[in-house]
Protein backbone atom coordinates (compact mmCIF):
# COMPACT_ATOMS: atom_id res chain seq x y z
CA MET A 1 15.52 0.83 25.96
CA GLN A 2 14.43 -2.04 23.73
CA LYS A 3 10.99 -0.48 23.37
CA ILE A 4 12.58 2.77 22.19
CA ILE A 5 14.73 0.89 19.69
CA LEU A 6 11.65 -1.00 18.47
CA ILE A 7 9.67 2.15 17.78
CA THR A 8 12.62 4.03 16.29
CA VAL A 9 13.50 1.29 13.83
CA LEU A 10 9.83 0.67 12.99
CA MET A 11 9.88 4.18 11.58
CA LEU A 12 13.06 3.61 9.54
CA VAL A 13 11.27 3.34 6.23
CA ALA A 14 8.70 5.99 7.13
CA MET A 15 11.33 8.60 7.95
CA ALA A 16 12.72 8.31 4.44
CA THR A 17 9.43 9.64 3.12
CA LYS A 18 9.01 12.51 5.58
CA LEU A 19 6.17 14.83 4.69
CA THR A 20 7.12 18.31 3.50
CA ALA A 21 5.34 21.51 4.34
CA GLN A 22 4.91 22.38 0.68
CA GLU A 23 1.16 22.10 0.55
CA VAL A 24 -0.46 23.00 3.82
CA ASN A 25 -0.01 23.84 7.45
CA SER A 26 -2.98 21.79 8.59
CA GLU A 27 -2.80 22.93 12.22
CA LYS A 28 -4.19 26.32 11.21
CA TYR A 29 -7.39 24.95 9.73
CA PRO A 30 -10.33 22.74 10.65
CA LEU A 31 -9.82 19.05 9.98
CA GLU A 32 -13.02 18.76 7.92
CA TRP A 33 -11.43 20.54 4.96
CA SER A 34 -7.89 20.14 3.68
CA TYR A 35 -5.88 22.93 2.09
CA ARG A 36 -3.49 22.90 -0.86
CA GLN A 37 -1.31 25.63 -2.37
CA PRO A 38 1.77 25.65 -4.64
CA GLU A 39 4.02 27.33 -2.07
CA ILE A 40 3.64 28.22 1.60
CA GLU A 41 2.09 31.66 2.16
CA SER A 42 0.95 32.04 -1.44
CA TYR A 43 -2.66 32.14 -0.19
CA GLU A 44 -4.60 32.79 2.99
CA MET A 45 -7.25 30.09 3.30
CA GLY A 46 -9.88 29.21 5.85
CA PRO A 47 -13.10 30.41 7.49
CA ASP A 48 -13.88 34.12 7.05
CA LYS A 49 -14.88 35.59 10.44
CA ASN A 50 -15.96 38.95 8.98
CA PRO A 51 -19.05 40.30 10.82
CA GLU A 52 -20.72 40.46 7.40
CA PHE A 53 -20.86 36.65 7.44
CA VAL A 54 -22.08 36.15 11.00
CA ASN A 55 -23.98 32.86 11.49
CA GLN A 56 -22.73 31.62 8.09
CA ASP A 57 -20.01 29.06 7.33
CA VAL A 58 -18.14 31.12 4.75
CA PHE A 59 -14.65 30.11 3.59
CA THR A 60 -12.21 32.23 1.63
CA ILE A 61 -9.11 31.83 -0.55
CA LYS A 62 -7.10 35.05 -0.91
CA SER A 63 -3.81 35.51 -2.75
CA VAL A 64 -1.02 37.20 -0.77
CA LYS A 65 1.69 37.00 -3.43
CA SER A 66 1.90 38.21 -7.01
CA PRO A 67 2.42 36.62 -9.39
CA ILE A 68 1.44 33.06 -8.38
CA ILE A 69 2.06 30.03 -10.56
CA GLY A 70 -0.49 27.50 -9.43
CA PHE A 71 -3.70 27.59 -7.45
CA GLY A 72 -5.10 27.60 -3.94
CA ASN A 73 -7.53 24.79 -3.20
CA ILE A 74 -9.85 23.88 -0.32
CA MET A 75 -11.07 20.30 -0.68
CA LYS A 76 -12.50 17.13 0.81
CA SER A 77 -12.04 13.47 -0.13
CA ILE A 78 -14.69 10.88 0.72
CA LYS A 79 -15.37 7.22 0.03
CA SER A 80 -17.49 6.62 -3.04
CA ASP A 81 -19.56 3.71 -1.65
CA LEU A 82 -22.85 5.64 -1.41
CA TYR A 83 -22.59 7.08 -4.91
CA LEU A 84 -21.47 4.14 -7.09
CA GLY A 85 -23.41 3.92 -10.34
CA LYS A 86 -25.22 7.18 -9.60
CA THR A 87 -25.21 10.75 -10.87
CA VAL A 88 -24.00 13.28 -8.33
CA LYS A 89 -24.61 17.02 -8.37
CA MET A 90 -22.31 19.34 -6.45
CA THR A 91 -23.64 22.83 -5.70
CA GLY A 92 -22.21 25.84 -3.92
CA TYR A 93 -22.36 29.62 -3.74
CA VAL A 94 -19.26 31.59 -4.76
CA LYS A 95 -18.40 35.27 -4.62
CA SER A 96 -15.26 36.70 -6.27
CA ASN A 97 -13.11 39.83 -6.18
CA LYS A 98 -10.52 40.77 -8.85
CA VAL A 99 -9.90 37.21 -10.02
CA ARG A 100 -7.39 37.72 -12.83
CA SER A 101 -7.18 34.10 -14.02
CA TRP A 102 -10.12 31.92 -12.99
CA ALA A 103 -11.88 30.14 -10.12
CA GLY A 104 -14.52 27.45 -9.78
CA LEU A 105 -16.00 24.44 -8.07
CA TRP A 106 -14.39 21.10 -8.90
CA MET A 107 -15.16 17.42 -8.39
CA ARG A 108 -13.43 14.18 -9.38
CA ALA A 109 -14.14 10.43 -9.10
CA ASP A 110 -10.99 8.27 -8.89
CA TYR A 111 -9.92 4.66 -8.97
CA TYR A 112 -7.25 4.86 -6.26
CA ASP A 113 -4.51 7.11 -7.71
CA THR A 114 -4.40 5.13 -10.96
CA ALA A 115 -7.24 6.55 -13.04
CA VAL A 116 -9.52 9.60 -13.10
CA LEU A 117 -12.97 8.24 -13.99
CA SER A 118 -14.87 11.55 -14.16
CA PHE A 119 -13.83 15.18 -13.65
CA ASP A 120 -14.99 18.79 -13.89
CA ASN A 121 -13.34 21.98 -12.59
CA MET A 122 -15.50 24.61 -14.36
CA GLN A 123 -12.48 25.93 -16.32
CA ARG A 124 -14.56 26.16 -19.50
CA ARG A 125 -17.21 28.20 -17.66
CA ALA A 126 -14.94 29.76 -15.07
CA ILE A 127 -15.60 32.45 -12.47
CA LYS A 128 -13.57 35.58 -13.32
CA GLU A 129 -13.11 39.22 -12.25
CA THR A 130 -15.55 40.47 -9.56
CA THR A 131 -18.92 38.79 -9.04
CA ASP A 132 -21.62 38.72 -6.37
CA TRP A 133 -22.90 35.57 -4.67
CA THR A 134 -23.91 33.12 -7.40
CA LYS A 135 -24.95 29.48 -7.23
CA TYR A 136 -22.88 27.10 -9.37
CA GLU A 137 -23.13 23.37 -10.00
CA ILE A 138 -21.21 20.38 -11.30
CA VAL A 139 -22.80 17.09 -12.39
CA LEU A 140 -20.78 13.87 -12.65
CA PHE A 141 -21.60 10.20 -13.03
CA VAL A 142 -19.69 7.98 -10.56
CA PRO A 143 -18.70 4.65 -12.19
CA MET A 144 -18.95 1.43 -10.20
CA GLU A 145 -15.13 1.11 -10.15
CA ALA A 146 -14.65 4.41 -8.27
CA THR A 147 -12.89 4.18 -4.89
CA SER A 148 -13.08 7.84 -3.83
CA ILE A 149 -14.64 11.21 -4.65
CA SER A 150 -12.76 14.48 -4.16
CA TYR A 151 -14.34 17.92 -4.43
CA GLY A 152 -13.74 21.51 -3.46
CA VAL A 153 -13.24 25.10 -4.62
CA LEU A 154 -10.11 26.55 -6.23
CA LEU A 155 -8.61 29.92 -7.14
CA ASP A 156 -6.00 30.03 -9.89
CA GLY A 157 -3.57 32.96 -9.72
CA THR A 158 -4.38 36.15 -7.86
CA GLY A 159 -7.58 37.57 -6.39
CA GLN A 160 -10.01 36.46 -3.70
CA ILE A 161 -13.05 34.21 -3.57
CA TRP A 162 -15.56 33.28 -0.88
CA PHE A 163 -17.76 30.19 -0.90
CA LYS A 164 -20.49 28.62 1.23
CA ASP A 165 -23.19 25.92 1.30
CA VAL A 166 -21.21 23.35 -0.70
CA LYS A 167 -23.09 20.04 -0.84
CA LEU A 168 -23.47 16.83 -2.82
CA GLU A 169 -26.77 15.25 -3.81
CA ILE A 170 -27.80 12.29 -5.94
CA VAL A 171 -29.88 13.22 -8.99
CA ASP A 172 -31.58 11.23 -11.72
CA ASN A 173 -29.25 9.50 -14.18
CA THR A 174 -30.91 11.35 -17.03
CA VAL A 175 -29.30 14.65 -15.88
CA PRO A 176 -26.43 15.40 -18.31
CA GLU A 177 -22.86 15.53 -17.03
CA THR A 178 -20.94 18.81 -17.09
CA GLY A 179 -17.42 17.39 -16.88
CA SER A 180 -14.55 17.37 -19.34
CA ILE A 181 -14.10 13.70 -18.37
CA LYS A 182 -17.51 12.05 -18.31
CA GLY A 183 -18.06 9.05 -16.07
CA ARG A 184 -20.55 7.40 -18.42
CA GLU A 185 -17.93 7.35 -21.18
CA HIS A 186 -15.05 5.94 -19.19
CA LYS A 187 -13.41 2.76 -20.43
CA GLU A 188 -13.13 -0.22 -18.12
CA ILE A 189 -9.89 -0.29 -16.15
CA SER A 190 -7.64 -3.14 -17.17
CA PHE A 191 -6.86 -6.04 -14.88
CA GLU A 192 -3.21 -5.02 -14.69
CA LYS A 193 -3.97 -1.42 -13.67
CA ARG A 194 -6.39 -2.61 -11.00
CA ALA A 195 -3.90 -5.07 -9.57
CA LYS A 196 -1.11 -2.47 -9.49
CA ALA A 197 -3.42 0.09 -7.89
CA ILE A 198 -4.34 -2.31 -5.08
CA ALA A 199 -0.68 -3.20 -4.54
CA ASN A 200 0.24 0.50 -4.38
CA GLN A 201 -2.62 1.09 -1.94
CA ILE A 202 -1.23 -1.60 0.37
CA LYS A 203 2.13 0.18 0.35
CA THR A 204 0.42 3.55 0.91
CA ILE A 205 -1.41 2.16 3.94
CA SER A 206 1.89 1.10 5.50
CA ASP A 207 3.65 4.39 4.66
CA THR A 208 0.74 6.49 5.95
CA GLN A 209 0.62 4.67 9.28
CA LYS A 210 4.38 4.96 9.71
CA ASN A 211 4.28 8.70 8.98
CA ALA A 212 1.44 9.10 11.48
CA LEU A 213 3.40 7.13 14.06
CA LYS A 214 6.45 9.32 13.54
CA THR A 215 4.33 12.45 14.10
CA GLU A 216 2.96 10.98 17.33
CA ILE A 217 6.43 10.03 18.54
CA ASP A 218 7.79 13.51 17.73
CA ALA A 219 4.94 15.06 19.74
CA LEU A 220 5.72 12.83 22.73
CA ASP A 221 9.43 13.71 22.52
CA LYS A 222 8.52 17.42 22.62
CA GLU A 223 6.38 16.84 25.72
CA VAL A 224 9.30 15.07 27.40
CA ALA A 225 11.62 17.97 26.50
CA LYS A 226 9.15 20.44 28.03
CA GLY A 227 8.78 18.33 31.17
CA ILE A 228 5.07 17.70 30.60
CA ILE A 229 5.46 13.92 30.89
CA SER A 230 8.29 11.65 32.02
CA LYS A 231 10.51 9.74 29.61
CA GLU A 232 9.25 6.44 31.03
CA LYS A 233 5.62 7.43 30.44
CA ALA A 234 6.46 8.60 26.92
CA ASP A 235 8.12 5.25 26.16
CA GLU A 236 4.96 3.48 27.34
CA PHE A 237 2.80 5.65 25.09
CA LYS A 238 5.16 5.11 22.14
CA LEU A 239 4.91 1.33 22.42
CA LYS A 240 1.13 1.50 22.68
CA LYS A 241 0.85 3.74 19.62
CA ALA A 242 3.19 1.50 17.63
CA GLU A 243 1.00 -1.51 18.44
CA GLU A 244 -2.13 0.42 17.44
CA ARG A 245 -0.60 1.47 14.11
CA ALA A 246 0.51 -2.13 13.40
CA ALA A 247 -3.04 -3.35 14.08
CA THR A 248 -4.42 -0.69 11.73
CA ILE A 249 -2.02 -1.80 9.00
CA GLU A 250 -3.14 -5.42 9.44
CA THR A 251 -6.84 -4.52 9.27
CA LYS A 252 -6.60 -2.24 6.25
CA VAL A 253 -4.21 -4.51 4.34
CA ALA A 254 -6.63 -7.41 4.88
CA ILE A 255 -9.38 -5.38 3.15
CA GLU A 256 -7.16 -4.71 0.13
CA GLU A 257 -6.10 -8.38 0.02
CA GLY A 258 -9.79 -9.28 -0.19
CA LYS A 259 -10.20 -6.91 -3.15
CA LEU A 260 -7.19 -8.48 -4.84
CA ASN A 261 -8.57 -11.99 -4.35
CA GLN A 262 -11.93 -10.90 -5.79
CA LEU A 263 -10.16 -9.29 -8.74
CA ILE A 264 -8.38 -12.52 -9.57
CA GLN A 265 -11.65 -14.43 -9.28
CA ASP A 266 -13.35 -11.94 -11.62
CA ILE A 267 -10.70 -12.30 -14.30
CA VAL A 268 -10.91 -16.11 -14.07
CA ASP A 269 -14.71 -15.90 -14.37
CA GLY A 270 -14.39 -13.64 -17.43
CA LYS A 271 -16.24 -10.68 -15.91
CA PHE A 272 -14.09 -8.01 -17.55
CA GLU A 273 -15.66 -6.54 -20.64
CA ASP A 274 -12.32 -6.02 -22.37
CA GLU A 275 -11.46 -9.69 -21.81
CA ASN A 276 -14.67 -10.82 -23.53
CA ARG A 277 -14.05 -8.34 -26.33
CA TYR A 278 -10.68 -9.91 -27.13
CA LYS A 279 -11.70 -13.54 -26.74
CA ASN A 280 -12.56 -14.07 -30.39
CA SER A 281 -9.24 -12.60 -31.54
CA GLY A 282 -7.31 -14.91 -29.20
CA THR A 283 -6.77 -14.63 -25.46
CA SER A 284 -4.78 -16.97 -23.26
CA ILE A 285 -4.82 -17.07 -19.46
CA ILE A 286 -1.49 -18.08 -17.91
CA ILE A 287 -0.76 -19.21 -14.37
CA GLY A 288 2.98 -19.15 -13.60
CA GLY A 289 5.82 -18.06 -15.85
CA SER A 290 5.68 -18.14 -19.65
CA THR A 291 8.38 -17.49 -22.23
CA ASP A 292 6.26 -18.52 -25.23
CA SER A 293 5.62 -16.03 -28.01
CA ILE A 294 1.99 -14.91 -28.03
CA GLY A 295 1.92 -13.64 -31.60
CA LYS A 296 1.16 -10.19 -32.96
CA ASN A 297 -2.51 -9.76 -32.03
CA LYS A 298 -3.10 -12.27 -29.27
CA ARG A 299 -3.67 -11.19 -25.67
CA GLU A 300 -2.02 -12.92 -22.73
CA ILE A 301 -3.40 -12.56 -19.19
CA ASN A 302 -0.95 -13.76 -16.54
CA ILE A 303 -2.79 -14.34 -13.29
CA THR A 304 0.28 -14.82 -11.11
CA SER A 305 2.19 -11.73 -12.30
CA MET A 306 -1.02 -9.68 -12.61
CA LYS A 307 -0.11 -8.47 -16.10
CA VAL A 308 -1.94 -8.28 -19.41
CA TYR A 309 0.05 -8.22 -22.69
CA ASN A 310 -1.48 -7.24 -26.03
CA GLY A 311 0.76 -8.97 -28.52
CA GLN A 312 4.37 -10.15 -28.39
CA SER A 313 5.79 -6.69 -29.13
CA ASP A 314 3.97 -5.22 -26.11
CA LYS A 315 5.18 -8.10 -23.95
CA GLU A 316 8.83 -7.66 -24.95
CA ASP A 317 8.77 -3.88 -24.62
CA ARG A 318 7.32 -3.92 -21.13
CA GLN A 319 9.45 -6.80 -19.85
CA SER A 320 12.57 -4.97 -21.08
CA LYS A 321 11.96 -1.67 -19.29
CA ARG A 322 14.69 -0.45 -16.96
CA THR A 323 12.32 -0.98 -14.02
CA THR A 324 9.89 -3.89 -14.04
CA SER A 325 7.66 -5.42 -11.38
CA GLN A 326 7.23 -8.99 -10.22
CA VAL A 327 4.79 -10.79 -7.96
CA VAL A 328 6.74 -12.95 -5.50
CA PHE A 329 5.61 -16.19 -3.88
CA ALA A 330 7.84 -18.37 -1.71
CA ALA A 331 7.30 -21.43 0.47
CA GLY A 332 9.39 -24.03 2.25
CA LEU A 333 10.76 -25.28 5.55
CA ASN A 334 11.07 -23.11 8.66
CA ASN A 335 12.95 -23.61 11.91
CA VAL A 336 15.13 -21.80 14.45
CA VAL A 337 18.87 -21.56 15.00
CA THR A 338 19.83 -22.09 18.65
CA ASN A 339 23.45 -21.49 19.65
CA LYS A 340 24.33 -21.26 15.93
CA SER A 341 22.90 -24.71 15.19
CA VAL A 342 19.68 -26.29 13.93
CA GLU A 343 20.60 -29.76 15.13
CA LYS A 344 18.38 -31.32 17.80
CA SER A 345 15.76 -28.69 17.18
CA ASP A 346 12.73 -28.35 19.43
CA PHE A 347 10.59 -28.11 16.28
CA ARG A 348 9.65 -30.58 13.60
CA TYR A 349 11.80 -30.22 10.50
CA LEU A 350 9.11 -31.16 7.97
CA GLY A 351 6.10 -29.92 9.90
CA SER A 352 7.42 -26.38 10.36
CA HIS A 353 7.05 -24.26 7.26
CA PHE A 354 6.90 -20.73 5.89
CA TYR A 355 5.28 -18.96 3.00
CA GLU A 356 5.60 -15.45 1.66
CA TRP A 357 3.97 -13.27 -0.96
CA GLY A 358 4.80 -9.77 -2.09
CA LEU A 359 5.44 -7.27 -4.85
CA THR A 360 8.94 -6.29 -5.97
CA TYR A 361 10.40 -3.75 -8.34
CA ASN A 362 13.52 -4.63 -10.32
CA SER A 363 15.64 -1.71 -11.58
CA ARG A 364 18.58 -2.19 -13.92
CA ILE A 365 21.48 -0.26 -12.36
CA LEU A 366 23.56 0.28 -15.50
CA LYS A 367 21.80 1.70 -18.52
CA ASN A 368 23.47 -0.55 -21.12
CA ASN A 369 24.36 -3.61 -19.05
CA ASN A 370 21.95 -6.22 -17.76
CA LEU A 371 24.06 -7.79 -14.99
CA LEU A 372 23.31 -5.65 -11.93
CA HIS A 373 19.82 -4.94 -10.62
CA ALA A 374 18.39 -3.35 -7.49
CA LYS A 375 15.40 -5.33 -6.29
CA TYR A 376 13.10 -3.86 -3.65
CA GLY A 377 9.47 -3.99 -2.55
CA PHE A 378 7.34 -5.35 0.29
CA SER A 379 6.29 -8.83 1.42
CA VAL A 380 4.06 -10.51 3.96
CA MET A 381 5.83 -13.46 5.63
CA TYR A 382 4.12 -16.29 7.51
CA ASN A 383 6.51 -18.33 9.71
CA ASN A 384 5.13 -21.48 11.36
CA LEU A 385 6.82 -23.67 14.01
CA ARG A 386 5.55 -27.07 15.20
CA ALA A 387 6.99 -28.14 18.55
CA THR A 388 8.06 -31.73 19.27
CA ASP A 389 7.25 -34.02 22.23
CA ASN A 390 3.71 -32.79 22.96
CA ARG A 391 4.92 -29.28 23.90
CA TYR A 392 3.53 -25.80 23.37
CA PHE A 393 4.58 -22.22 24.14
CA VAL A 394 3.74 -20.60 27.47
CA ALA A 395 4.55 -16.96 28.24
CA ASP A 396 5.84 -16.50 31.81
CA GLY A 397 6.55 -12.82 32.40
CA ASN A 398 9.19 -11.76 29.89
CA GLN A 399 10.18 -15.38 29.18
CA THR A 400 8.47 -17.61 26.62
CA ASN A 401 9.10 -21.31 27.18
CA LEU A 402 8.20 -24.61 25.59
CA GLU A 403 6.34 -26.66 28.19
CA LEU A 404 4.93 -30.16 28.22
CA ASN A 405 1.17 -30.20 27.73
CA PRO A 406 -0.50 -32.44 30.36
CA ILE A 407 -3.20 -33.20 27.78
CA ARG A 408 -2.26 -35.18 24.71
CA GLN A 409 -2.36 -32.84 21.72
CA ASP A 410 -2.69 -33.80 18.06
CA ASP A 411 -0.87 -30.72 16.86
CA SER A 412 0.77 -27.54 18.16
CA ARG A 413 1.60 -24.73 15.73
CA PHE A 414 3.03 -21.28 16.48
CA LYS A 415 2.59 -18.69 13.70
CA ASN A 416 4.14 -15.24 13.23
CA VAL A 417 2.97 -12.85 10.52
CA ASN A 418 5.48 -10.16 9.50
CA VAL A 419 5.34 -7.36 6.95
CA VAL A 420 8.84 -6.57 5.67
CA PHE A 421 10.60 -4.44 3.09
CA PRO A 422 13.27 -6.56 1.34
CA VAL A 423 16.17 -5.11 -0.68
CA HIS A 424 18.48 -7.24 -2.82
CA LEU A 425 21.36 -6.71 -5.21
CA GLU A 426 20.54 -9.12 -8.04
CA PHE A 427 22.97 -10.52 -10.59
CA ASP A 428 20.96 -11.48 -13.67
CA PHE A 429 22.88 -13.36 -16.39
CA THR A 430 20.13 -12.99 -19.01
CA LYS A 431 21.69 -11.96 -22.35
CA SER A 432 20.46 -8.86 -24.12
CA LYS A 433 18.66 -9.31 -27.44
CA GLU A 434 18.58 -7.32 -30.66
CA ARG A 435 15.38 -6.83 -32.65
CA GLU A 436 14.84 -4.34 -35.46
CA GLY A 437 17.92 -2.37 -34.43
CA LYS A 438 16.83 -2.07 -30.79
CA THR A 439 18.48 -3.70 -27.77
CA TYR A 440 16.21 -5.41 -25.24
CA PHE A 441 17.40 -6.12 -21.69
CA LYS A 442 14.96 -8.74 -20.50
CA THR A 443 15.16 -10.11 -16.94
CA HIS A 444 14.37 -13.45 -15.29
CA ASP A 445 15.27 -15.46 -18.39
CA SER A 446 18.52 -17.08 -17.20
CA PHE A 447 20.52 -17.72 -14.01
CA ARG A 448 20.04 -15.21 -11.20
CA ILE A 449 21.67 -14.58 -7.81
CA GLY A 450 20.33 -12.20 -5.18
CA LEU A 451 22.03 -10.93 -2.01
CA GLY A 452 20.40 -8.65 0.52
CA GLY A 453 18.15 -8.40 3.52
CA TYR A 454 14.89 -7.11 4.93
CA VAL A 455 13.48 -4.94 7.68
CA GLY A 456 9.92 -4.78 9.00
CA THR A 457 7.59 -5.47 11.87
CA ASN A 458 5.63 -8.34 13.38
CA LEU A 459 1.90 -7.93 12.74
CA LYS A 460 0.58 -10.75 14.91
CA SER A 461 1.42 -14.00 16.68
CA LYS A 462 -0.91 -16.95 17.22
CA GLN A 463 -0.69 -20.43 18.69
CA TYR A 464 -2.95 -23.28 17.54
CA VAL A 465 -3.31 -26.40 19.66
CA LYS A 466 -5.48 -29.33 18.53
CA TYR A 467 -6.83 -31.98 20.90
CA ASP A 468 -8.60 -35.32 20.44
CA ILE A 469 -10.17 -36.23 23.80
CA ASP A 470 -12.53 -39.21 23.95
CA GLU A 471 -13.06 -38.91 20.19
CA TYR A 472 -14.07 -35.24 20.56
CA LYS A 473 -11.88 -32.95 18.51
CA SER A 474 -11.20 -29.38 19.63
CA ARG A 475 -8.98 -26.53 18.54
CA GLU A 476 -7.56 -23.86 20.83
CA ILE A 477 -6.33 -20.56 19.33
CA THR A 478 -4.35 -18.14 21.49
CA LYS A 479 -3.53 -14.64 20.28
CA GLY A 480 -0.92 -12.39 21.88
CA ASN A 481 2.59 -11.07 21.56
CA PHE A 482 4.22 -14.04 23.37
CA ASN A 483 7.20 -11.67 23.93
CA VAL A 484 7.95 -11.91 20.21
CA ASP A 485 10.38 -9.24 19.00
CA SER A 486 8.24 -6.75 17.09
CA PHE A 487 11.17 -5.40 15.08
CA VAL A 488 12.12 -7.87 12.34
CA TYR A 489 15.32 -7.68 10.32
CA GLY A 490 17.54 -10.22 8.64
CA LEU A 491 19.59 -11.44 5.70
CA SER A 492 18.34 -13.28 2.63
CA THR A 493 19.72 -14.72 -0.56
CA TYR A 494 18.48 -16.70 -3.53
CA VAL A 495 19.96 -18.45 -6.55
CA GLY A 496 17.99 -19.87 -9.42
CA TYR A 497 17.03 -20.05 -13.05
CA LYS A 498 14.33 -17.94 -14.70
CA ALA A 499 11.38 -17.52 -12.31
CA THR A 500 12.38 -20.24 -9.81
CA SER A 501 15.05 -19.88 -7.11
CA LEU A 502 16.35 -21.64 -4.02
CA TYR A 503 15.67 -19.15 -1.23
CA LEU A 504 17.32 -18.76 2.20
CA LYS A 505 16.32 -16.29 4.94
CA TYR A 506 17.79 -15.72 8.40
CA ASP A 507 16.36 -13.36 11.05
CA LEU A 508 19.12 -11.43 12.81
CA ASN A 509 16.68 -10.46 15.55
CA PRO A 510 15.85 -13.16 18.12
CA LEU A 511 12.41 -14.75 17.93
CA PHE A 512 11.71 -13.86 21.58
CA LYS A 513 13.36 -10.61 22.56
CA ASP A 514 14.04 -11.29 26.26
CA ASN A 515 14.57 -15.06 26.36
CA LEU A 516 17.77 -16.22 28.02
CA VAL A 517 18.44 -18.60 25.12
CA LYS A 518 18.39 -16.70 21.85
CA GLN A 519 16.66 -18.38 18.92
CA ASN A 520 16.68 -16.94 15.42
CA ASN A 521 14.18 -17.91 12.75
CA MET A 522 15.60 -19.44 9.54
CA SER A 523 13.75 -20.45 6.37
CA LEU A 524 14.76 -22.49 3.32
CA GLY A 525 12.52 -23.05 0.33
CA LEU A 526 11.58 -22.18 -3.23
CA ARG A 527 10.91 -18.66 -4.46
CA PHE A 528 8.99 -17.71 -7.60
CA ASP A 529 9.35 -14.26 -9.20
CA PHE A 530 6.55 -13.95 -11.75
CA ASN A 531 7.57 -11.33 -14.31
């Protein structure tokens, strides 16, 4: 039963973003191509099995409604790694019948979902009316910043098209681009846009895996209903799939964290062209919070909040929007509550600690009042416990116990890594300001109180034990679930001034789900919300 509850609640956030059937019924089509249309059954799309096309991979898009507002699209998306800094030519053969609007090949190079770096859809040289098989091409330059390339064939409005032999090839960089957005002319993406894109990608990774897990769970529930498998076997599969999805989240998030760390290093090293361009006119790099005026033309780059402001007016306008974003970092002491008490704890008070980082969005609830805010986002929490009296954790069946180590240990540390989605109601006592007849509702500039909680999942658990035997030092790392409760939820609150707050968190779920003595993790420390 607890396994079912674990998987069900793990999908709590994912179920709120349930996929609609607006674009495509993917079960009808091969997985290699994906299919998009404005409304279901506006187009018939897929391989054409007409005897005329025997031994050929011919695909078709055919309108079945009239009129149609929008277009049918068969496409692929691939990683851009092999094409960075190169010119790519897309070719394909297309045949058309009674195309009233237009059709064409299309290709696009993107930086996540933040910026289109190069693009062409042949609209200026479109395929129209009825045509025989003709070879068409698109040429785009793929900038070094690109993270993906998407390409395909589309039909706008009514009619029918067939296409075949679509391929990409690298050509010499002297070949001119055909696109309306040319990759060689694109402007460098700002530090702020890059940082936000990576943060959004981390959230997308989590949402995508949760949606996939929900689909898998639904499929298992249908098999149980049909009597194909037993409920017990389905529960076992559900737990296994949940663990696999959590591991995927951890792996992919780690990659994006590496990109974020490199991005911060690049901005510190001055590798951005736009940063060098503004240096002579005045650029300051800030770490932490800053309320100083930066003047009319000066640029401020805030490393901790991952924001770039071009002049004081830009800074005030953006910090006074109804919804703003903050980078959160917190650290402090960590321990457990046993029988509603932290006295005589089995863990060192000063040696046990926590730290947390995340991204939050802060939305002013009332349009013309700055007091109430909804604060929400995601965080990665690291909770560490150091046992006393030369003890360490040992899993014995479904029980996890602290046992005396027969070998003298220098240190024993138990670490849990959780990804959570916190939500707080924040009371911000920052006064509104008037400038040039306009009211500005800035946040994080006075006393603040937040009340709320969080829900999420445990990504991994590790135990580190250090030994010093006969002057030889060794370190033992043990990975496993240790019977840790995978579903994490709790209450949290903070009170502070400007960016700094005193922060308290309490896990409502027990640390070890089946232990006879229930212990709940509790953390107290400082929290920084960098605006």
